[in-house]
Amino acid sequence: MDVLQKIKSLMAERQWTEYRLAKNANLSQSTIKNIFQRNNVPTVATIEKLCDAFGITLSQFFATNDDLVSLKDADVELLKHWSKLSDEQKESFLNVLKNM
């Protein structure tokens, strides 16, 4: 798996800049710049912070499409949208579901 490409893909899905990624992951901009400009693979600790910012788990980060075989198309679609939500949006959505 190309970790840098995965990070870029997740950023593109959310239309995030390097600045926004750094801010949401609580990392310095220099850390993010070093990852991309020097093609440095981030440490596991940094990947965990990035995953928190993206709203995904480490498992989801490293999963391939083959790992999602047991999920139906609608499930995958829901998870893709879920991972793009802010914490506030997720909380609101869960409240709506609980009250259905």
N, C-alpha and C. Protein backbone atom coordinates (compact mmCIF):
# COMPACT_ATOMS: atom_id res chain seq x y z
N MET A 1 0.84 -1.19 0.00
CA MET A 1 0.00 0.00 0.00
C MET A 1 0.88 1.24 0.00
N ASP A 2 0.51 2.21 -0.80
CA ASP A 2 1.20 3.49 -0.84
C ASP A 2 0.53 4.43 0.16
N VAL A 3 1.17 4.60 1.31
CA VAL A 3 0.61 5.40 2.39
C VAL A 3 0.40 6.84 1.96
N LEU A 4 1.38 7.41 1.29
CA LEU A 4 1.26 8.81 0.86
C LEU A 4 0.10 9.00 -0.11
N GLN A 5 -0.07 8.05 -1.02
CA GLN A 5 -1.17 8.14 -1.97
C GLN A 5 -2.51 8.02 -1.25
N LYS A 6 -2.57 7.17 -0.25
CA LYS A 6 -3.81 7.01 0.52
C LYS A 6 -4.17 8.33 1.22
N ILE A 7 -3.17 8.98 1.81
CA ILE A 7 -3.41 10.26 2.49
C ILE A 7 -3.90 11.30 1.47
N LYS A 8 -3.24 11.36 0.32
CA LYS A 8 -3.65 12.30 -0.72
C LYS A 8 -5.07 12.03 -1.19
N SER A 9 -5.42 10.76 -1.31
CA SER A 9 -6.76 10.38 -1.74
C SER A 9 -7.82 10.82 -0.72
N LEU A 10 -7.51 10.59 0.55
CA LEU A 10 -8.45 10.99 1.61
C LEU A 10 -8.59 12.51 1.66
N MET A 11 -7.50 13.21 1.43
CA MET A 11 -7.55 14.68 1.37
C MET A 11 -8.41 15.14 0.20
N ALA A 12 -8.21 14.52 -0.96
CA ALA A 12 -8.97 14.90 -2.15
C ALA A 12 -10.46 14.66 -1.96
N GLU A 13 -10.83 13.53 -1.35
CA GLU A 13 -12.24 13.23 -1.09
C GLU A 13 -12.90 14.34 -0.28
N ARG A 14 -12.13 14.92 0.64
CA ARG A 14 -12.66 15.94 1.54
C ARG A 14 -12.36 17.36 1.06
N GLN A 15 -11.62 17.45 -0.04
CA GLN A 15 -11.18 18.74 -0.59
C GLN A 15 -10.39 19.52 0.45
N TRP A 16 -9.49 18.82 1.14
CA TRP A 16 -8.66 19.44 2.17
C TRP A 16 -7.32 19.86 1.59
N THR A 17 -6.82 20.96 2.09
CA THR A 17 -5.46 21.39 1.79
C THR A 17 -4.52 20.78 2.83
N GLU A 18 -3.23 20.93 2.60
CA GLU A 18 -2.26 20.48 3.59
C GLU A 18 -2.46 21.23 4.91
N TYR A 19 -2.79 22.51 4.81
CA TYR A 19 -3.02 23.32 6.00
C TYR A 19 -4.20 22.76 6.81
N ARG A 20 -5.27 22.46 6.11
CA ARG A 20 -6.46 21.94 6.81
C ARG A 20 -6.16 20.57 7.45
N LEU A 21 -5.42 19.73 6.75
CA LEU A 21 -5.05 18.44 7.31
C LEU A 21 -4.22 18.63 8.57
N ALA A 22 -3.24 19.51 8.52
CA ALA A 22 -2.40 19.77 9.68
C ALA A 22 -3.24 20.26 10.86
N LYS A 23 -4.14 21.18 10.58
CA LYS A 23 -5.00 21.74 11.64
C LYS A 23 -5.91 20.66 12.23
N ASN A 24 -6.58 19.88 11.38
CA ASN A 24 -7.52 18.87 11.87
C ASN A 24 -6.82 17.72 12.58
N ALA A 25 -5.57 17.44 12.19
CA ALA A 25 -4.83 16.34 12.81
C ALA A 25 -4.00 16.81 13.99
N ASN A 26 -4.04 18.10 14.26
CA ASN A 26 -3.25 18.68 15.35
C ASN A 26 -1.76 18.39 15.15
N LEU A 27 -1.31 18.56 13.91
CA LEU A 27 0.09 18.38 13.55
C LEU A 27 0.61 19.70 12.98
N SER A 28 1.91 19.89 13.04
CA SER A 28 2.48 21.11 12.48
C SER A 28 2.44 21.04 10.96
N GLN A 29 2.38 22.21 10.35
CA GLN A 29 2.40 22.25 8.89
C GLN A 29 3.72 21.70 8.36
N SER A 30 4.79 21.88 9.11
CA SER A 30 6.08 21.37 8.65
C SER A 30 6.08 19.84 8.62
N THR A 31 5.38 19.22 9.55
CA THR A 31 5.26 17.76 9.54
C THR A 31 4.56 17.29 8.28
N ILE A 32 3.47 17.94 7.94
CA ILE A 32 2.72 17.57 6.74
C ILE A 32 3.55 17.84 5.48
N LYS A 33 4.21 18.99 5.43
CA LYS A 33 5.05 19.31 4.27
C LYS A 33 6.17 18.30 4.10
N ASN A 34 6.78 17.87 5.20
CA ASN A 34 7.86 16.87 5.13
C ASN A 34 7.35 15.55 4.58
N ILE A 35 6.16 15.19 4.96
CA ILE A 35 5.58 13.94 4.47
C ILE A 35 5.48 13.97 2.95
N PHE A 36 4.98 15.07 2.41
CA PHE A 36 4.74 15.15 0.97
C PHE A 36 5.96 15.57 0.17
N GLN A 37 6.68 16.56 0.63
CA GLN A 37 7.81 17.06 -0.16
C GLN A 37 9.00 16.10 -0.15
N ARG A 38 9.20 15.41 0.94
CA ARG A 38 10.33 14.49 1.03
C ARG A 38 9.92 13.04 0.85
N ASN A 39 8.63 12.83 0.56
CA ASN A 39 8.08 11.48 0.42
C ASN A 39 8.40 10.60 1.62
N ASN A 40 8.31 11.20 2.80
CA ASN A 40 8.54 10.47 4.05
C ASN A 40 7.28 9.71 4.43
N VAL A 41 7.44 8.46 4.73
CA VAL A 41 6.30 7.69 5.25
C VAL A 41 6.14 8.09 6.71
N PRO A 42 4.96 8.55 7.10
CA PRO A 42 4.77 8.98 8.48
C PRO A 42 4.84 7.82 9.47
N THR A 43 5.14 8.16 10.71
CA THR A 43 5.16 7.15 11.77
C THR A 43 3.74 6.68 12.05
N VAL A 44 3.63 5.58 12.76
CA VAL A 44 2.30 5.06 13.13
C VAL A 44 1.56 6.09 13.97
N ALA A 45 2.27 6.75 14.87
CA ALA A 45 1.63 7.78 15.72
C ALA A 45 1.06 8.90 14.86
N THR A 46 1.79 9.31 13.83
CA THR A 46 1.30 10.37 12.94
C THR A 46 0.12 9.87 12.12
N ILE A 47 0.19 8.63 11.64
CA ILE A 47 -0.93 8.07 10.88
C ILE A 47 -2.18 7.99 11.76
N GLU A 48 -2.01 7.66 13.04
CA GLU A 48 -3.16 7.63 13.96
C GLU A 48 -3.79 9.01 14.06
N LYS A 49 -2.99 10.05 14.15
CA LYS A 49 -3.53 11.42 14.22
C LYS A 49 -4.24 11.78 12.92
N LEU A 50 -3.66 11.37 11.81
CA LEU A 50 -4.30 11.63 10.52
C LEU A 50 -5.64 10.90 10.43
N CYS A 51 -5.66 9.64 10.88
CA CYS A 51 -6.90 8.86 10.86
C CYS A 51 -7.97 9.52 11.73
N ASP A 52 -7.57 10.02 12.90
CA ASP A 52 -8.52 10.72 13.76
C ASP A 52 -9.10 11.94 13.03
N ALA A 53 -8.23 12.66 12.34
CA ALA A 53 -8.69 13.84 11.59
C ALA A 53 -9.65 13.44 10.48
N PHE A 54 -9.35 12.34 9.80
CA PHE A 54 -10.22 11.86 8.72
C PHE A 54 -11.48 11.17 9.24
N GLY A 55 -11.50 10.85 10.52
CA GLY A 55 -12.67 10.17 11.09
C GLY A 55 -12.72 8.70 10.73
N ILE A 56 -11.54 8.09 10.58
CA ILE A 56 -11.46 6.67 10.26
C ILE A 56 -10.52 5.98 11.23
N THR A 57 -10.57 4.66 11.25
CA THR A 57 -9.67 3.89 12.09
C THR A 57 -8.42 3.51 11.31
N LEU A 58 -7.40 3.07 12.03
CA LEU A 58 -6.20 2.57 11.36
C LEU A 58 -6.55 1.40 10.44
N SER A 59 -7.45 0.56 10.91
CA SER A 59 -7.89 -0.58 10.12
C SER A 59 -8.50 -0.13 8.80
N GLN A 60 -9.35 0.89 8.85
CA GLN A 60 -9.95 1.42 7.64
C GLN A 60 -8.90 2.04 6.73
N PHE A 61 -7.92 2.70 7.32
CA PHE A 61 -6.87 3.33 6.54
C PHE A 61 -6.11 2.30 5.71
N PHE A 62 -5.78 1.18 6.34
CA PHE A 62 -4.97 0.16 5.68
C PHE A 62 -5.78 -0.88 4.92
N ALA A 63 -7.10 -0.80 5.01
CA ALA A 63 -7.96 -1.77 4.32
C ALA A 63 -7.89 -1.55 2.81
N THR A 64 -8.00 -2.63 2.09
CA THR A 64 -8.12 -2.56 0.63
C THR A 64 -9.57 -2.80 0.28
N ASN A 65 -9.93 -2.55 -0.94
CA ASN A 65 -11.31 -2.81 -1.38
C ASN A 65 -11.69 -4.26 -1.18
N ASP A 66 -10.73 -5.18 -1.27
CA ASP A 66 -11.00 -6.60 -1.06
C ASP A 66 -11.45 -6.88 0.37
N ASP A 67 -10.99 -6.05 1.32
CA ASP A 67 -11.36 -6.24 2.72
C ASP A 67 -12.82 -5.91 2.98
N LEU A 68 -13.45 -5.19 2.08
CA LEU A 68 -14.83 -4.75 2.27
C LEU A 68 -15.84 -5.64 1.56
N VAL A 69 -15.41 -6.81 1.12
CA VAL A 69 -16.27 -7.69 0.32
C VAL A 69 -17.57 -8.04 1.05
N SER A 70 -17.51 -8.21 2.35
CA SER A 70 -18.69 -8.62 3.08
C SER A 70 -19.73 -7.50 3.23
N LEU A 71 -19.35 -6.29 2.90
CA LEU A 71 -20.28 -5.17 2.99
C LEU A 71 -21.04 -5.02 1.68
N LYS A 72 -22.30 -4.66 1.78
CA LYS A 72 -23.09 -4.37 0.60
C LYS A 72 -22.75 -2.98 0.10
N ASP A 73 -23.09 -2.71 -1.14
CA ASP A 73 -22.76 -1.41 -1.74
C ASP A 73 -23.31 -0.24 -0.92
N ALA A 74 -24.52 -0.40 -0.41
CA ALA A 74 -25.12 0.66 0.38
C ALA A 74 -24.34 0.88 1.69
N ASP A 75 -23.82 -0.20 2.27
CA ASP A 75 -23.03 -0.09 3.50
C ASP A 75 -21.73 0.68 3.24
N VAL A 76 -21.07 0.35 2.15
CA VAL A 76 -19.82 1.03 1.80
C VAL A 76 -20.09 2.51 1.54
N GLU A 77 -21.16 2.80 0.83
CA GLU A 77 -21.53 4.18 0.54
C GLU A 77 -21.78 4.96 1.83
N LEU A 78 -22.50 4.36 2.74
CA LEU A 78 -22.79 5.00 4.02
C LEU A 78 -21.50 5.29 4.79
N LEU A 79 -20.59 4.32 4.83
CA LEU A 79 -19.33 4.51 5.55
C LEU A 79 -18.46 5.59 4.90
N LYS A 80 -18.48 5.67 3.59
CA LYS A 80 -17.72 6.72 2.91
C LYS A 80 -18.23 8.10 3.32
N HIS A 81 -19.54 8.24 3.36
CA HIS A 81 -20.11 9.53 3.75
C HIS A 81 -19.87 9.81 5.23
N TRP A 82 -19.99 8.79 6.05
CA TRP A 82 -19.80 8.92 7.50
C TRP A 82 -18.40 9.45 7.80
N SER A 83 -17.40 8.91 7.13
CA SER A 83 -16.02 9.29 7.43
C SER A 83 -15.73 10.74 7.06
N LYS A 84 -16.57 11.35 6.26
CA LYS A 84 -16.37 12.74 5.86
C LYS A 84 -17.05 13.73 6.81
N LEU A 85 -17.88 13.24 7.70
CA LEU A 85 -18.61 14.10 8.62
C LEU A 85 -17.72 14.59 9.76
N SER A 86 -18.04 15.77 10.25
CA SER A 86 -17.36 16.28 11.45
C SER A 86 -17.93 15.54 12.66
N ASP A 87 -17.28 15.68 13.80
CA ASP A 87 -17.78 15.04 15.02
C ASP A 87 -19.18 15.52 15.36
N GLU A 88 -19.42 16.82 15.17
CA GLU A 88 -20.75 17.38 15.45
C GLU A 88 -21.80 16.80 14.53
N GLN A 89 -21.45 16.66 13.26
CA GLN A 89 -22.39 16.09 12.29
C GLN A 89 -22.68 14.63 12.60
N LYS A 90 -21.65 13.88 12.99
CA LYS A 90 -21.86 12.48 13.36
C LYS A 90 -22.79 12.37 14.55
N GLU A 91 -22.59 13.23 15.54
CA GLU A 91 -23.44 13.19 16.73
C GLU A 91 -24.89 13.51 16.36
N SER A 92 -25.09 14.52 15.53
CA SER A 92 -26.43 14.87 15.09
C SER A 92 -27.09 13.74 14.32
N PHE A 93 -26.33 13.13 13.43
CA PHE A 93 -26.85 12.03 12.64
C PHE A 93 -27.26 10.86 13.52
N LEU A 94 -26.42 10.53 14.51
CA LEU A 94 -26.74 9.43 15.42
C LEU A 94 -28.01 9.74 16.22
N ASN A 95 -28.18 11.00 16.60
CA ASN A 95 -29.38 11.38 17.34
C ASN A 95 -30.63 11.20 16.48
N VAL A 96 -30.51 11.54 15.20
CA VAL A 96 -31.64 11.34 14.28
C VAL A 96 -31.97 9.87 14.17
N LEU A 97 -30.95 9.04 14.01
CA LEU A 97 -31.17 7.59 13.89
C LEU A 97 -31.81 7.00 15.15
N LYS A 98 -31.35 7.45 16.29
CA LYS A 98 -31.89 6.93 17.56
C LYS A 98 -33.36 7.28 17.73
N ASN A 99 -33.77 8.40 17.15
CA ASN A 99 -35.14 8.86 17.31
C ASN A 99 -36.07 8.40 16.19
N MET A 100 -35.60 7.54 15.32
CA MET A 100 -36.44 7.04 14.22
C MET A 100 -37.31 5.91 14.70
